[in-house]
């Protein structure tokens, strides 16, 4: 939803639109390791930039920091990941918006529809293929998620931010249970394969139906 909202706003004719598009896409092109280390330093308890800013306005952060407190760790990681990857979603949605006929929006406005109703009833439904593509990329990406989480929390505290990839590495490398870690890797591959095949069979084929001209 955040990616769609920002893409709809950046699709309007506003001053500095090109610069804004670049700014929102910059976090995505940063290496995961670099972004993870930067956020890890920003979120250090007491002496980190985030805690210092909160203290300046009279808000006391968690004693163990946002990354060290189970109640906040997962939400904090989600915020960082959203910052990191929302740029890709915005670029995809902006590309999809270029395929929305302007005539439909103009006709809706002539009929008295507001901008929000036009987006909700015309633009977003026509973004269906792009939305489904992003949903697929998000699901597969969540299964592969490792770098940022490993740097920020290592899967902790108390396994509150563990992903399948960090779980695999933890058992396969850290605990030297190579066989168990390999089994997790195989299961992870099978799940990803099933999702990819299901997407191709039920979603991609329908979206491409009629879009490709086949010879007789």
N, C-alpha and C. Protein backbone atom coordinates (compact mmCIF):
# COMPACT_ATOMS: atom_id res chain seq x y z
N UNK A 1 0.82 -1.23 0.00
CA UNK A 1 0.00 0.00 0.00
C UNK A 1 0.84 1.27 0.00
N UNK A 2 1.94 1.26 0.74
CA UNK A 2 2.81 2.44 0.78
C UNK A 2 3.43 2.69 -0.59
N UNK A 3 3.89 1.62 -1.25
CA UNK A 3 4.48 1.76 -2.57
C UNK A 3 3.48 2.30 -3.58
N UNK A 4 2.23 1.81 -3.53
CA UNK A 4 1.20 2.28 -4.45
C UNK A 4 0.91 3.75 -4.20
N UNK A 5 0.76 4.12 -2.93
CA UNK A 5 0.43 5.52 -2.60
C UNK A 5 1.51 6.47 -3.09
N UNK A 6 2.78 6.13 -2.83
CA UNK A 6 3.86 7.01 -3.26
C UNK A 6 3.96 7.04 -4.79
N UNK A 7 3.75 5.90 -5.44
CA UNK A 7 3.80 5.85 -6.90
C UNK A 7 2.70 6.72 -7.51
N UNK A 8 1.50 6.68 -6.94
CA UNK A 8 0.41 7.51 -7.46
C UNK A 8 0.73 8.99 -7.31
N UNK A 9 1.36 9.35 -6.20
CA UNK A 9 1.73 10.75 -6.00
C UNK A 9 2.84 11.17 -6.95
N UNK A 10 3.83 10.31 -7.12
CA UNK A 10 4.96 10.65 -8.00
C UNK A 10 4.58 10.58 -9.48
N UNK A 11 3.41 10.00 -9.78
CA UNK A 11 2.96 9.96 -11.16
C UNK A 11 2.29 11.27 -11.58
N UNK A 12 2.05 12.14 -10.58
CA UNK A 12 1.46 13.44 -10.89
C UNK A 12 2.53 14.41 -11.39
N UNK A 13 2.09 15.44 -12.06
CA UNK A 13 3.02 16.45 -12.56
C UNK A 13 3.33 17.45 -11.45
N UNK A 14 4.39 17.15 -10.71
CA UNK A 14 4.82 18.00 -9.61
C UNK A 14 6.27 18.40 -9.83
N UNK A 15 6.64 19.52 -9.24
CA UNK A 15 8.00 20.02 -9.39
C UNK A 15 8.99 19.09 -8.67
N UNK A 16 10.08 18.78 -9.32
CA UNK A 16 11.10 17.92 -8.73
C UNK A 16 10.73 16.46 -8.73
N UNK A 17 9.82 16.06 -9.62
CA UNK A 17 9.37 14.67 -9.63
C UNK A 17 10.52 13.71 -9.93
N UNK A 18 11.39 14.08 -10.87
CA UNK A 18 12.52 13.21 -11.21
C UNK A 18 13.46 13.01 -10.03
N UNK A 19 13.71 14.10 -9.28
CA UNK A 19 14.58 13.99 -8.11
C UNK A 19 13.95 13.12 -7.04
N UNK A 20 12.65 13.27 -6.81
CA UNK A 20 11.97 12.46 -5.80
C UNK A 20 12.00 10.99 -6.17
N UNK A 21 11.83 10.69 -7.45
CA UNK A 21 11.90 9.29 -7.88
C UNK A 21 13.28 8.71 -7.62
N UNK A 22 14.31 9.51 -7.85
CA UNK A 22 15.67 9.05 -7.60
C UNK A 22 15.90 8.80 -6.11
N UNK A 23 15.41 9.72 -5.28
CA UNK A 23 15.62 9.62 -3.84
C UNK A 23 14.98 8.35 -3.28
N UNK A 24 13.75 8.03 -3.69
CA UNK A 24 13.07 6.86 -3.15
C UNK A 24 13.69 5.56 -3.66
N UNK A 25 14.41 5.62 -4.80
CA UNK A 25 15.00 4.41 -5.35
C UNK A 25 16.42 4.16 -4.85
N UNK A 26 17.07 5.20 -4.31
CA UNK A 26 18.45 5.07 -3.85
C UNK A 26 18.62 3.96 -2.80
N UNK A 27 17.76 3.85 -1.77
CA UNK A 27 17.97 2.78 -0.78
C UNK A 27 18.01 1.38 -1.39
N UNK A 28 17.24 1.15 -2.45
CA UNK A 28 17.22 -0.18 -3.05
C UNK A 28 18.55 -0.55 -3.69
N UNK A 29 19.22 0.43 -4.30
CA UNK A 29 20.48 0.12 -4.99
C UNK A 29 21.65 0.02 -4.03
N UNK A 30 21.46 0.42 -2.77
CA UNK A 30 22.52 0.24 -1.78
C UNK A 30 22.69 -1.24 -1.47
N UNK A 31 23.90 -1.67 -1.28
CA UNK A 31 24.15 -3.05 -0.90
C UNK A 31 23.52 -3.34 0.46
N UNK A 32 22.96 -4.55 0.59
CA UNK A 32 22.29 -4.91 1.85
C UNK A 32 23.23 -4.81 3.04
N UNK A 33 24.50 -5.20 2.84
CA UNK A 33 25.46 -5.16 3.95
C UNK A 33 25.69 -3.72 4.40
N UNK A 34 25.86 -2.81 3.45
CA UNK A 34 26.09 -1.41 3.80
C UNK A 34 24.89 -0.83 4.53
N UNK A 35 23.69 -1.06 3.96
CA UNK A 35 22.48 -0.54 4.59
C UNK A 35 22.28 -1.14 5.98
N UNK A 36 22.55 -2.45 6.11
CA UNK A 36 22.39 -3.09 7.41
C UNK A 36 23.33 -2.53 8.46
N UNK A 37 24.59 -2.33 8.10
CA UNK A 37 25.56 -1.79 9.05
C UNK A 37 25.19 -0.36 9.45
N UNK A 38 24.75 0.45 8.50
CA UNK A 38 24.37 1.83 8.80
C UNK A 38 23.21 1.85 9.79
N UNK A 39 22.17 1.06 9.51
CA UNK A 39 21.02 1.04 10.42
C UNK A 39 21.37 0.43 11.77
N UNK A 40 22.28 -0.54 11.78
CA UNK A 40 22.71 -1.13 13.05
C UNK A 40 23.37 -0.08 13.94
N UNK A 41 24.17 0.78 13.33
CA UNK A 41 24.81 1.84 14.10
C UNK A 41 23.79 2.91 14.53
N UNK A 42 22.86 3.24 13.65
CA UNK A 42 21.85 4.24 14.00
C UNK A 42 20.97 3.79 15.16
N UNK A 43 20.74 2.47 15.26
CA UNK A 43 19.82 1.93 16.25
C UNK A 43 20.51 1.43 17.51
N UNK A 44 21.79 1.77 17.69
CA UNK A 44 22.47 1.37 18.91
C UNK A 44 21.79 2.00 20.13
N UNK A 45 21.62 1.23 21.22
CA UNK A 45 20.96 1.79 22.40
C UNK A 45 21.77 2.90 23.06
N UNK A 46 21.06 3.92 23.53
CA UNK A 46 21.59 5.06 24.29
C UNK A 46 22.44 6.00 23.43
N UNK A 47 23.42 5.47 22.71
CA UNK A 47 24.35 6.35 22.00
C UNK A 47 24.08 6.41 20.50
N UNK A 48 23.10 5.65 20.02
CA UNK A 48 22.77 5.69 18.60
C UNK A 48 22.01 6.96 18.25
N UNK A 49 21.97 7.28 16.96
CA UNK A 49 21.31 8.50 16.51
C UNK A 49 19.82 8.47 16.82
N UNK A 50 19.18 7.33 16.60
CA UNK A 50 17.73 7.24 16.84
C UNK A 50 17.40 7.48 18.29
N UNK A 51 18.10 6.82 19.21
CA UNK A 51 17.85 7.02 20.64
C UNK A 51 18.17 8.45 21.05
N UNK A 52 19.20 9.04 20.47
CA UNK A 52 19.56 10.42 20.81
C UNK A 52 18.47 11.39 20.35
N UNK A 53 17.90 11.16 19.17
CA UNK A 53 16.81 12.02 18.69
C UNK A 53 15.57 11.88 19.56
N UNK A 54 15.27 10.64 19.97
CA UNK A 54 14.12 10.43 20.85
C UNK A 54 14.33 11.09 22.21
N UNK A 55 15.55 10.98 22.73
CA UNK A 55 15.85 11.60 24.02
C UNK A 55 15.74 13.12 23.94
N UNK A 56 16.06 13.69 22.78
CA UNK A 56 15.99 15.13 22.61
C UNK A 56 14.56 15.65 22.71
N UNK A 57 13.58 14.80 22.38
CA UNK A 57 12.18 15.22 22.47
C UNK A 57 11.50 14.62 23.70
N UNK A 58 12.31 14.05 24.61
CA UNK A 58 11.77 13.57 25.87
C UNK A 58 11.23 12.16 25.84
N UNK A 59 11.59 11.36 24.86
CA UNK A 59 11.12 9.98 24.76
C UNK A 59 12.28 9.05 25.08
N UNK A 60 12.06 8.15 26.00
CA UNK A 60 13.09 7.20 26.41
C UNK A 60 12.96 5.91 25.61
N UNK A 61 14.00 5.54 24.89
CA UNK A 61 13.99 4.31 24.12
C UNK A 61 14.16 3.09 25.01
N UNK A 62 13.93 1.87 24.47
CA UNK A 62 14.11 0.65 25.25
C UNK A 62 15.54 0.53 25.78
N UNK A 63 15.68 -0.02 26.97
CA UNK A 63 17.00 -0.13 27.59
C UNK A 63 17.97 -0.95 26.74
N UNK A 64 17.46 -2.00 26.10
CA UNK A 64 18.30 -2.85 25.26
C UNK A 64 18.30 -2.40 23.80
N UNK A 65 17.67 -1.29 23.53
CA UNK A 65 17.60 -0.81 22.15
C UNK A 65 16.45 -1.45 21.40
N UNK A 66 16.09 -0.87 20.28
CA UNK A 66 14.97 -1.39 19.50
C UNK A 66 15.29 -2.75 18.90
N UNK A 67 16.55 -3.01 18.61
CA UNK A 67 16.92 -4.29 18.03
C UNK A 67 17.16 -5.36 19.09
N UNK A 68 17.30 -4.96 20.33
CA UNK A 68 17.58 -5.92 21.40
C UNK A 68 16.39 -6.24 22.25
N UNK A 69 15.24 -5.67 21.96
CA UNK A 69 14.02 -5.91 22.73
C UNK A 69 13.06 -6.71 21.88
N UNK A 70 12.66 -7.92 22.31
CA UNK A 70 11.80 -8.77 21.47
C UNK A 70 10.51 -8.09 21.02
N UNK A 71 9.94 -7.23 21.87
CA UNK A 71 8.68 -6.58 21.51
C UNK A 71 8.82 -5.59 20.36
N UNK A 72 10.02 -5.04 20.18
CA UNK A 72 10.23 -4.02 19.15
C UNK A 72 11.08 -4.50 17.98
N UNK A 73 11.83 -5.58 18.17
CA UNK A 73 12.83 -5.98 17.17
C UNK A 73 12.19 -6.26 15.81
N UNK A 74 11.12 -7.06 15.79
CA UNK A 74 10.50 -7.43 14.51
C UNK A 74 9.95 -6.20 13.79
N UNK A 75 9.27 -5.32 14.54
CA UNK A 75 8.72 -4.12 13.91
C UNK A 75 9.82 -3.19 13.40
N UNK A 76 10.91 -3.13 14.14
CA UNK A 76 12.04 -2.30 13.71
C UNK A 76 12.65 -2.83 12.42
N UNK A 77 12.83 -4.14 12.36
CA UNK A 77 13.38 -4.76 11.15
C UNK A 77 12.43 -4.54 9.97
N UNK A 78 11.13 -4.63 10.22
CA UNK A 78 10.16 -4.40 9.15
C UNK A 78 10.24 -2.97 8.62
N UNK A 79 10.43 -2.01 9.51
CA UNK A 79 10.57 -0.62 9.06
C UNK A 79 11.81 -0.45 8.20
N UNK A 80 12.92 -1.04 8.64
CA UNK A 80 14.17 -0.93 7.87
C UNK A 80 14.03 -1.61 6.51
N UNK A 81 13.40 -2.78 6.48
CA UNK A 81 13.22 -3.48 5.21
C UNK A 81 12.28 -2.72 4.27
N UNK A 82 11.27 -2.08 4.85
CA UNK A 82 10.37 -1.26 4.03
C UNK A 82 11.14 -0.11 3.40
N UNK A 83 11.96 0.55 4.20
CA UNK A 83 12.80 1.64 3.69
C UNK A 83 13.71 1.14 2.57
N UNK A 84 14.23 -0.08 2.72
CA UNK A 84 15.20 -0.62 1.77
C UNK A 84 14.55 -1.00 0.45
N UNK A 85 13.37 -1.62 0.49
CA UNK A 85 12.83 -2.23 -0.71
C UNK A 85 11.61 -1.54 -1.30
N UNK A 86 11.07 -0.53 -0.63
CA UNK A 86 9.88 0.13 -1.17
C UNK A 86 10.20 0.85 -2.48
N UNK A 87 11.44 1.22 -2.69
CA UNK A 87 11.82 1.89 -3.93
C UNK A 87 11.58 1.02 -5.15
N UNK A 88 11.86 -0.29 -5.04
CA UNK A 88 11.61 -1.19 -6.15
C UNK A 88 10.13 -1.27 -6.45
N UNK A 89 9.30 -1.35 -5.41
CA UNK A 89 7.85 -1.38 -5.61
C UNK A 89 7.38 -0.12 -6.32
N UNK A 90 7.89 1.02 -5.91
CA UNK A 90 7.48 2.29 -6.51
C UNK A 90 7.85 2.34 -7.99
N UNK A 91 9.06 1.89 -8.34
CA UNK A 91 9.48 1.89 -9.73
C UNK A 91 8.60 0.95 -10.56
N UNK A 92 8.27 -0.22 -10.01
CA UNK A 92 7.40 -1.15 -10.73
C UNK A 92 6.01 -0.55 -10.95
N UNK A 93 5.48 0.07 -9.90
CA UNK A 93 4.14 0.66 -10.03
C UNK A 93 4.14 1.85 -10.98
N UNK A 94 5.20 2.63 -10.96
CA UNK A 94 5.29 3.75 -11.90
C UNK A 94 5.34 3.25 -13.33
N UNK A 95 6.05 2.14 -13.54
CA UNK A 95 6.09 1.55 -14.89
C UNK A 95 4.70 1.06 -15.29
N UNK A 96 3.99 0.43 -14.34
CA UNK A 96 2.64 -0.02 -14.63
C UNK A 96 1.68 1.11 -14.91
N UNK A 97 1.88 2.23 -14.23
CA UNK A 97 1.00 3.38 -14.43
C UNK A 97 1.13 3.97 -15.83
N UNK A 98 2.27 3.76 -16.48
CA UNK A 98 2.43 4.28 -17.83
C UNK A 98 1.52 3.56 -18.82
N UNK A 99 1.06 2.36 -18.45
CA UNK A 99 0.17 1.61 -19.33
C UNK A 99 -1.31 1.88 -19.08
N UNK A 100 -1.62 2.74 -18.11
CA UNK A 100 -3.02 3.07 -17.83
C UNK A 100 -3.47 4.17 -18.79
N UNK A 101 -4.48 3.93 -19.60
CA UNK A 101 -4.92 4.94 -20.56
C UNK A 101 -5.39 6.23 -19.88
N UNK A 102 -4.84 7.34 -20.30
CA UNK A 102 -5.23 8.62 -19.73
C UNK A 102 -6.68 8.96 -20.06
N UNK A 103 -7.19 8.39 -21.17
CA UNK A 103 -8.56 8.70 -21.58
C UNK A 103 -9.57 8.25 -20.53
N UNK A 104 -9.28 7.12 -19.88
CA UNK A 104 -10.21 6.62 -18.86
C UNK A 104 -10.28 7.56 -17.67
N UNK A 105 -9.13 8.04 -17.23
CA UNK A 105 -9.11 8.96 -16.11
C UNK A 105 -9.79 10.28 -16.47
N UNK A 106 -9.54 10.75 -17.69
CA UNK A 106 -10.16 12.00 -18.11
C UNK A 106 -11.67 11.86 -18.20
N UNK A 107 -12.14 10.70 -18.70
CA UNK A 107 -13.58 10.46 -18.78
C UNK A 107 -14.21 10.41 -17.39
N UNK A 108 -13.50 9.80 -16.44
CA UNK A 108 -14.02 9.72 -15.06
C UNK A 108 -14.09 11.11 -14.43
N UNK A 109 -13.10 11.93 -14.69
CA UNK A 109 -13.11 13.29 -14.15
C UNK A 109 -14.23 14.13 -14.76
N UNK A 110 -14.49 13.91 -16.06
CA UNK A 110 -15.58 14.63 -16.70
C UNK A 110 -16.93 14.23 -16.09
N UNK A 111 -17.04 12.96 -15.69
CA UNK A 111 -18.28 12.48 -15.07
C UNK A 111 -18.40 12.91 -13.62
N UNK A 112 -17.39 13.60 -13.11
CA UNK A 112 -17.47 14.14 -11.76
C UNK A 112 -16.78 13.32 -10.70
N UNK A 113 -16.03 12.30 -11.09
CA UNK A 113 -15.33 11.47 -10.11
C UNK A 113 -14.14 12.24 -9.55
N UNK A 114 -13.92 12.12 -8.25
CA UNK A 114 -12.77 12.77 -7.63
C UNK A 114 -11.50 12.02 -7.99
N UNK A 115 -10.35 12.64 -7.67
CA UNK A 115 -9.08 12.01 -7.99
C UNK A 115 -8.93 10.68 -7.27
N UNK A 116 -9.31 10.64 -5.99
CA UNK A 116 -9.18 9.41 -5.22
C UNK A 116 -10.09 8.31 -5.76
N UNK A 117 -11.32 8.64 -6.12
CA UNK A 117 -12.24 7.63 -6.66
C UNK A 117 -11.74 7.14 -8.02
N UNK A 118 -11.15 8.01 -8.80
CA UNK A 118 -10.59 7.61 -10.09
C UNK A 118 -9.46 6.61 -9.90
N UNK A 119 -8.58 6.88 -8.93
CA UNK A 119 -7.48 5.95 -8.67
C UNK A 119 -7.99 4.61 -8.15
N UNK A 120 -8.99 4.67 -7.27
CA UNK A 120 -9.47 3.45 -6.62
C UNK A 120 -10.24 2.55 -7.59
N UNK A 121 -11.05 3.14 -8.45
CA UNK A 121 -11.93 2.35 -9.31
C UNK A 121 -11.38 2.12 -10.72
N UNK A 122 -10.37 2.89 -11.13
CA UNK A 122 -9.84 2.73 -12.48
C UNK A 122 -8.36 2.38 -12.47
N UNK A 123 -7.55 3.23 -11.84
CA UNK A 123 -6.10 3.05 -11.93
C UNK A 123 -5.63 1.79 -11.23
N UNK A 124 -6.02 1.61 -9.97
CA UNK A 124 -5.53 0.46 -9.21
C UNK A 124 -6.00 -0.87 -9.80
N UNK A 125 -7.28 -1.02 -10.22
CA UNK A 125 -7.65 -2.28 -10.88
C UNK A 125 -6.84 -2.58 -12.14
N UNK A 126 -6.49 -1.54 -12.91
CA UNK A 126 -5.68 -1.76 -14.11
C UNK A 126 -4.23 -2.08 -13.77
N UNK A 127 -3.83 -1.84 -12.52
CA UNK A 127 -2.49 -2.21 -12.06
C UNK A 127 -2.43 -3.65 -11.56
N UNK A 128 -3.51 -4.40 -11.76
CA UNK A 128 -3.57 -5.77 -11.26
C UNK A 128 -2.37 -6.63 -11.61
N UNK A 129 -1.95 -6.72 -12.88
CA UNK A 129 -0.77 -7.53 -13.21
C UNK A 129 0.49 -7.09 -12.48
N UNK A 130 0.69 -5.78 -12.35
CA UNK A 130 1.86 -5.27 -11.63
C UNK A 130 1.78 -5.62 -10.15
N UNK A 131 0.60 -5.50 -9.57
CA UNK A 131 0.41 -5.83 -8.16
C UNK A 131 0.70 -7.30 -7.91
N UNK A 132 0.23 -8.15 -8.81
CA UNK A 132 0.47 -9.59 -8.63
C UNK A 132 1.95 -9.93 -8.81
N UNK A 133 2.61 -9.23 -9.72
CA UNK A 133 4.06 -9.45 -9.87
C UNK A 133 4.80 -9.05 -8.61
N UNK A 134 4.43 -7.91 -8.05
CA UNK A 134 5.10 -7.46 -6.82
C UNK A 134 4.82 -8.40 -5.65
N UNK A 135 3.58 -8.94 -5.58
CA UNK A 135 3.26 -9.89 -4.53
C UNK A 135 4.13 -11.14 -4.65
N UNK A 136 4.34 -11.60 -5.88
CA UNK A 136 5.19 -12.77 -6.09
C UNK A 136 6.64 -12.48 -5.68
N UNK A 137 7.16 -11.33 -6.11
CA UNK A 137 8.53 -10.97 -5.74
C UNK A 137 8.68 -10.82 -4.24
N UNK A 138 7.64 -10.31 -3.58
CA UNK A 138 7.69 -10.13 -2.13
C UNK A 138 7.73 -11.47 -1.41
N UNK A 139 6.92 -12.42 -1.87
CA UNK A 139 6.89 -13.73 -1.22
C UNK A 139 8.21 -14.46 -1.37
N UNK A 140 8.73 -14.47 -2.60
CA UNK A 140 10.02 -15.14 -2.83
C UNK A 140 11.14 -14.42 -2.09
N UNK A 141 11.09 -13.08 -2.11
CA UNK A 141 12.11 -12.31 -1.40
C UNK A 141 12.10 -12.54 0.10
N UNK A 142 10.90 -12.71 0.67
CA UNK A 142 10.82 -12.95 2.11
C UNK A 142 11.42 -14.31 2.48
N UNK A 143 11.28 -15.28 1.59
CA UNK A 143 11.89 -16.58 1.85
C UNK A 143 13.41 -16.52 1.77
N UNK A 144 13.93 -15.63 0.91
CA UNK A 144 15.37 -15.52 0.73
C UNK A 144 16.01 -14.51 1.67
N UNK A 145 15.22 -13.81 2.45
CA UNK A 145 15.72 -12.71 3.27
C UNK A 145 16.77 -13.20 4.27
N UNK A 146 17.95 -12.62 4.17
CA UNK A 146 19.04 -13.02 5.07
C UNK A 146 19.92 -11.86 5.48
N UNK A 147 20.51 -11.16 4.51
CA UNK A 147 21.58 -10.19 4.79
C UNK A 147 21.20 -9.17 5.85
N UNK A 148 20.12 -8.46 5.61
CA UNK A 148 19.75 -7.37 6.51
C UNK A 148 19.43 -7.87 7.90
N UNK A 149 18.67 -8.97 7.98
CA UNK A 149 18.29 -9.51 9.29
C UNK A 149 19.50 -10.03 10.04
N UNK A 150 20.39 -10.70 9.33
CA UNK A 150 21.58 -11.27 9.99
C UNK A 150 22.47 -10.17 10.56
N UNK A 151 22.59 -9.08 9.84
CA UNK A 151 23.42 -7.97 10.32
C UNK A 151 22.75 -7.23 11.47
N UNK A 152 21.44 -7.02 11.36
CA UNK A 152 20.74 -6.22 12.37
C UNK A 152 20.56 -6.98 13.68
N UNK A 153 20.10 -8.23 13.59
CA UNK A 153 19.75 -8.95 14.82
C UNK A 153 20.30 -10.36 14.89
N UNK A 154 20.76 -10.92 13.77
CA UNK A 154 21.19 -12.31 13.77
C UNK A 154 20.06 -13.28 14.00
N UNK A 155 18.83 -12.82 13.84
CA UNK A 155 17.65 -13.66 14.08
C UNK A 155 17.06 -13.48 15.46
N UNK A 156 17.76 -12.80 16.33
CA UNK A 156 17.27 -12.58 17.69
C UNK A 156 16.55 -11.25 17.81
N UNK A 157 16.28 -10.80 19.04
CA UNK A 157 16.47 -11.55 20.30
C UNK A 157 15.35 -12.57 20.51
N UNK A 158 15.71 -13.69 21.10
CA UNK A 158 14.78 -14.78 21.37
C UNK A 158 14.07 -15.24 20.11
N UNK A 159 14.80 -15.28 19.01
CA UNK A 159 14.28 -15.75 17.71
C UNK A 159 13.11 -14.92 17.19
N UNK A 160 12.98 -13.71 17.66
CA UNK A 160 11.83 -12.89 17.26
C UNK A 160 11.93 -12.39 15.83
N UNK A 161 13.13 -12.42 15.23
CA UNK A 161 13.28 -11.96 13.84
C UNK A 161 13.88 -13.04 12.95
N UNK A 162 13.77 -14.28 13.37
CA UNK A 162 14.35 -15.38 12.60
C UNK A 162 13.60 -15.58 11.29
N UNK A 163 14.33 -15.70 10.19
CA UNK A 163 13.75 -16.08 8.91
C UNK A 163 14.24 -17.47 8.56
N UNK A 164 13.70 -18.03 7.48
CA UNK A 164 14.13 -19.38 7.10
C UNK A 164 15.60 -19.40 6.72
N UNK A 165 16.07 -18.31 6.10
CA UNK A 165 17.47 -18.26 5.70
C UNK A 165 18.40 -18.14 6.91
N UNK A 166 18.05 -17.28 7.87
CA UNK A 166 18.89 -17.17 9.06
C UNK A 166 18.83 -18.45 9.89
N UNK A 167 17.68 -19.11 9.92
CA UNK A 167 17.54 -20.39 10.62
C UNK A 167 18.46 -21.44 10.00
N UNK A 168 18.50 -21.46 8.66
CA UNK A 168 19.35 -22.41 7.95
C UNK A 168 20.82 -22.17 8.26
N UNK A 169 21.25 -20.90 8.19
CA UNK A 169 22.65 -20.58 8.45
C UNK A 169 23.01 -20.85 9.90
N UNK A 170 22.10 -20.55 10.81
CA UNK A 170 22.36 -20.75 12.23
C UNK A 170 22.66 -22.21 12.53
N UNK A 171 21.83 -23.10 11.99
CA UNK A 171 22.04 -24.53 12.27
C UNK A 171 23.14 -25.12 11.40
N UNK A 172 23.22 -24.67 10.13
CA UNK A 172 24.21 -25.26 9.24
C UNK A 172 25.63 -24.83 9.52
N UNK A 173 25.82 -23.55 9.90
CA UNK A 173 27.17 -23.03 10.11
C UNK A 173 27.49 -22.80 11.58
N UNK A 174 26.64 -22.03 12.27
CA UNK A 174 26.94 -21.67 13.65
C UNK A 174 26.94 -22.87 14.58
N UNK A 175 26.01 -23.80 14.37
CA UNK A 175 25.91 -24.98 15.26
C UNK A 175 26.51 -26.23 14.63
N UNK A 176 27.08 -26.06 13.45
CA UNK A 176 27.78 -27.16 12.75
C UNK A 176 26.90 -28.37 12.49
N UNK A 177 25.58 -28.15 12.37
CA UNK A 177 24.67 -29.23 11.99
C UNK A 177 24.40 -29.12 10.48
N UNK A 178 25.42 -29.51 9.71
CA UNK A 178 25.38 -29.30 8.27
C UNK A 178 24.22 -30.06 7.63
N UNK A 179 23.97 -31.28 8.07
CA UNK A 179 22.87 -32.06 7.51
C UNK A 179 21.52 -31.41 7.73
N UNK A 180 21.31 -30.92 8.94
CA UNK A 180 20.03 -30.25 9.26
C UNK A 180 19.89 -28.97 8.45
N UNK A 181 20.98 -28.21 8.37
CA UNK A 181 20.94 -26.98 7.59
C UNK A 181 20.67 -27.26 6.12
N UNK A 182 21.25 -28.35 5.59
CA UNK A 182 21.01 -28.71 4.20
C UNK A 182 19.55 -29.10 3.98
N UNK A 183 18.95 -29.78 4.96
CA UNK A 183 17.54 -30.15 4.85
C UNK A 183 16.66 -28.91 4.81
N UNK A 184 17.00 -27.91 5.62
CA UNK A 184 16.25 -26.65 5.60
C UNK A 184 16.39 -25.98 4.24
N UNK A 185 17.59 -26.02 3.66
CA UNK A 185 17.82 -25.42 2.35
C UNK A 185 16.97 -26.10 1.28
N UNK A 186 16.87 -27.43 1.34
CA UNK A 186 16.07 -28.16 0.37
C UNK A 186 14.59 -27.79 0.51
N UNK A 187 14.11 -27.72 1.74
CA UNK A 187 12.71 -27.34 1.97
C UNK A 187 12.45 -25.92 1.48
N UNK A 188 13.40 -25.03 1.73
CA UNK A 188 13.27 -23.65 1.26
C UNK A 188 13.20 -23.60 -0.27
N UNK A 189 14.01 -24.41 -0.92
CA UNK A 189 13.98 -24.47 -2.39
C UNK A 189 12.65 -25.00 -2.89
N UNK A 190 12.14 -26.04 -2.26
CA UNK A 190 10.88 -26.63 -2.69
C UNK A 190 9.73 -25.63 -2.54
N UNK A 191 9.70 -24.92 -1.41
CA UNK A 191 8.64 -23.93 -1.21
C UNK A 191 8.72 -22.84 -2.26
N UNK A 192 9.92 -22.35 -2.54
CA UNK A 192 10.10 -21.31 -3.56
C UNK A 192 9.67 -21.83 -4.93
N UNK A 193 10.02 -23.07 -5.24
CA UNK A 193 9.66 -23.65 -6.53
C UNK A 193 8.14 -23.77 -6.67
N UNK A 194 7.48 -24.21 -5.61
CA UNK A 194 6.02 -24.34 -5.65
C UNK A 194 5.35 -22.99 -5.88
N UNK A 195 5.84 -21.97 -5.17
CA UNK A 195 5.28 -20.63 -5.35
C UNK A 195 5.50 -20.13 -6.77
N UNK A 196 6.71 -20.36 -7.32
CA UNK A 196 7.01 -19.91 -8.67
C UNK A 196 6.15 -20.63 -9.70
N UNK A 197 5.99 -21.95 -9.56
CA UNK A 197 5.17 -22.70 -10.50
C UNK A 197 3.70 -22.30 -10.40
N UNK A 198 3.21 -22.10 -9.17
CA UNK A 198 1.82 -21.68 -8.98
C UNK A 198 1.59 -20.30 -9.60
N UNK A 199 2.55 -19.40 -9.41
CA UNK A 199 2.42 -18.06 -10.00
C UNK A 199 2.39 -18.15 -11.53
N UNK A 200 3.27 -18.95 -12.10
CA UNK A 200 3.31 -19.08 -13.56
C UNK A 200 2.04 -19.73 -14.08
N UNK A 201 1.53 -20.72 -13.36
CA UNK A 201 0.37 -21.48 -13.85
C UNK A 201 -0.93 -20.70 -13.70
N UNK A 202 -1.14 -20.06 -12.57
CA UNK A 202 -2.45 -19.47 -12.30
C UNK A 202 -2.50 -17.95 -12.46
N UNK A 203 -1.35 -17.28 -12.37
CA UNK A 203 -1.35 -15.82 -12.41
C UNK A 203 -0.74 -15.30 -13.71
N UNK A 204 0.51 -15.68 -13.97
CA UNK A 204 1.20 -15.13 -15.13
C UNK A 204 0.52 -15.52 -16.43
N UNK A 205 0.05 -16.75 -16.53
CA UNK A 205 -0.61 -17.19 -17.76
C UNK A 205 -1.88 -16.39 -18.01
N UNK A 206 -2.62 -16.10 -16.95
CA UNK A 206 -3.85 -15.32 -17.12
C UNK A 206 -3.54 -13.88 -17.51
N UNK A 207 -2.49 -13.30 -16.88
CA UNK A 207 -2.14 -11.91 -17.19
C UNK A 207 -1.65 -11.78 -18.63
N UNK A 208 -0.97 -12.81 -19.13
CA UNK A 208 -0.44 -12.75 -20.49
C UNK A 208 -1.45 -13.20 -21.54
N UNK A 209 -2.56 -13.75 -21.09
CA UNK A 209 -3.57 -14.22 -22.04
C UNK A 209 -4.10 -13.05 -22.88
N UNK A 210 -3.96 -13.16 -24.17
CA UNK A 210 -4.43 -12.12 -25.06
C UNK A 210 -3.40 -11.04 -25.30
N UNK A 211 -2.32 -11.01 -24.48
CA UNK A 211 -1.30 -9.98 -24.67
C UNK A 211 -0.24 -10.41 -25.68
N UNK A 212 -0.16 -11.72 -25.96
CA UNK A 212 0.82 -12.25 -26.89
C UNK A 212 0.09 -12.80 -28.12
N UNK A 213 0.48 -12.34 -29.24
CA UNK A 213 -0.13 -12.78 -30.49
C UNK A 213 0.58 -14.03 -30.97
N UNK A 214 -0.18 -15.10 -31.12
CA UNK A 214 0.39 -16.37 -31.57
C UNK A 214 0.10 -16.57 -33.05
N UNK A 215 1.07 -17.11 -33.74
CA UNK A 215 0.89 -17.40 -35.16
C UNK A 215 -0.02 -18.58 -35.38
N UNK A 216 -0.67 -18.66 -36.53
CA UNK A 216 -1.56 -19.76 -36.85
C UNK A 216 -0.74 -21.03 -37.15
